[in-house]
Amino acid sequence: LISTSPQMPKIPLYSNKTGALYSSDIKELIEYQVCSPVKWQAILENMAASGVDTFIEVGAGKVLCGLVNKTLPRAKAIHYSEILNQNDIGGK
């Protein structure tokens, strides 16, 4: 990271360190988040406050879907495999 100059994201991106949207101190936040706990609940709550009501988990498990359901009972949490199965995508 020493020789890099990260640019501000073009889409809303939440910091694992603060739970808030990235601000001008993006490089410092990235350095801290490598060795800091993820503020998942704060991220979810801030995203919901911004109008996000649907979350899609991409990965092997469904842990994050469970965290969404627990933290934001009114939100919709979907694992990507459910989308693939519903749309019959992937090789056809």
Protein backbone atom coordinates (compact mmCIF):
# COMPACT_ATOMS: atom_id res chain seq x y z
CA LEU A 1 0.00 0.00 0.00
CA ILE A 2 2.95 2.32 0.47
CA SER A 3 3.42 2.89 -3.24
CA THR A 4 -0.28 2.98 -4.15
CA SER A 5 -2.72 5.85 -4.39
CA PRO A 6 -6.22 4.39 -4.03
CA GLN A 7 -8.95 6.38 -5.74
CA MET A 8 -12.36 7.03 -4.27
CA PRO A 9 -14.81 4.28 -5.32
CA LYS A 10 -17.31 5.10 -8.06
CA ILE A 11 -20.07 3.21 -6.22
CA PRO A 12 -21.03 3.37 -2.53
CA LEU A 13 -18.46 1.31 -0.64
CA TYR A 14 -18.52 0.78 3.11
CA SER A 15 -15.38 0.50 5.22
CA ASN A 16 -14.91 -2.61 7.35
CA LYS A 17 -13.11 -0.42 9.90
CA THR A 18 -15.74 2.28 10.42
CA GLY A 19 -18.93 0.74 9.08
CA ALA A 20 -19.49 3.97 7.13
CA LEU A 21 -18.95 4.98 3.53
CA TYR A 22 -15.34 5.54 2.56
CA SER A 23 -14.22 9.13 2.91
CA SER A 24 -11.07 10.94 1.84
CA ASP A 25 -8.86 8.83 4.15
CA ILE A 26 -9.35 5.70 2.03
CA LYS A 27 -5.70 4.57 2.11
CA GLU A 28 -5.51 4.79 5.90
CA LEU A 29 -8.80 2.92 6.31
CA ILE A 30 -7.66 0.13 4.00
CA GLU A 31 -4.46 -0.24 6.02
CA TYR A 32 -6.43 -0.48 9.28
CA GLN A 33 -9.07 -2.88 8.02
CA VAL A 34 -6.47 -5.51 7.17
CA CYS A 35 -5.92 -6.10 10.90
CA SER A 36 -9.19 -4.87 12.41
CA PRO A 37 -12.48 -6.64 13.13
CA VAL A 38 -15.21 -6.11 10.56
CA LYS A 39 -18.00 -3.81 11.75
CA TRP A 40 -20.61 -5.86 9.94
CA GLN A 41 -23.60 -4.72 11.99
CA ALA A 42 -22.72 -1.04 11.51
CA ILE A 43 -22.23 -1.59 7.77
CA LEU A 44 -25.63 -3.29 7.46
CA GLU A 45 -27.39 -0.60 9.49
CA ASN A 46 -25.77 2.20 7.46
CA MET A 47 -26.64 0.50 4.19
CA ALA A 48 -30.26 0.07 5.32
CA ALA A 49 -30.40 3.73 6.36
CA SER A 50 -29.24 4.56 2.82
CA GLY A 51 -32.15 2.61 1.35
CA VAL A 52 -30.60 -0.80 0.69
CA ASP A 53 -33.15 -3.52 1.41
CA THR A 54 -31.76 -6.52 -0.47
CA PHE A 55 -28.41 -8.22 0.11
CA ILE A 56 -26.87 -10.92 -2.08
CA GLU A 57 -24.19 -13.16 -0.59
CA VAL A 58 -21.60 -14.58 -2.95
CA GLY A 59 -19.51 -17.35 -1.43
CA ALA A 60 -19.48 -20.91 -0.25
CA GLY A 61 -21.59 -20.47 2.87
CA LYS A 62 -24.61 -18.50 4.02
CA VAL A 63 -23.23 -16.92 7.19
CA LEU A 64 -23.68 -13.37 5.95
CA CYS A 65 -27.30 -14.03 4.95
CA GLY A 66 -27.90 -15.15 8.53
CA LEU A 67 -26.31 -11.97 9.87
CA VAL A 68 -28.50 -9.84 7.58
CA ASN A 69 -31.63 -11.68 8.73
CA LYS A 70 -30.66 -11.23 12.38
CA THR A 71 -29.64 -7.56 12.08
CA LEU A 72 -32.26 -6.36 9.59
CA PRO A 73 -35.37 -8.57 9.84
CA ARG A 74 -37.21 -6.53 7.17
CA ALA A 75 -34.39 -6.83 4.63
CA LYS A 76 -34.12 -9.60 2.08
CA ALA A 77 -30.98 -11.76 2.17
CA ILE A 78 -30.33 -14.01 -0.81
CA HIS A 79 -27.51 -16.44 -1.49
CA TYR A 80 -26.34 -16.23 -5.10
CA SER A 81 -27.03 -19.94 -5.62
CA GLU A 82 -30.75 -19.25 -5.11
CA ILE A 83 -30.65 -16.75 -7.97
CA LEU A 84 -28.84 -19.21 -10.21
CA ASN A 85 -31.39 -21.93 -9.44
CA GLN A 86 -34.39 -19.61 -9.99
CA ASN A 87 -33.13 -18.34 -13.34
CA ASP A 88 -31.72 -21.66 -14.53
CA ILE A 89 -28.44 -19.93 -15.36
CA GLY A 90 -25.05 -21.53 -15.73
CA GLY A 91 -24.37 -23.55 -18.80
CA LYS A 92 -27.73 -23.41 -20.55
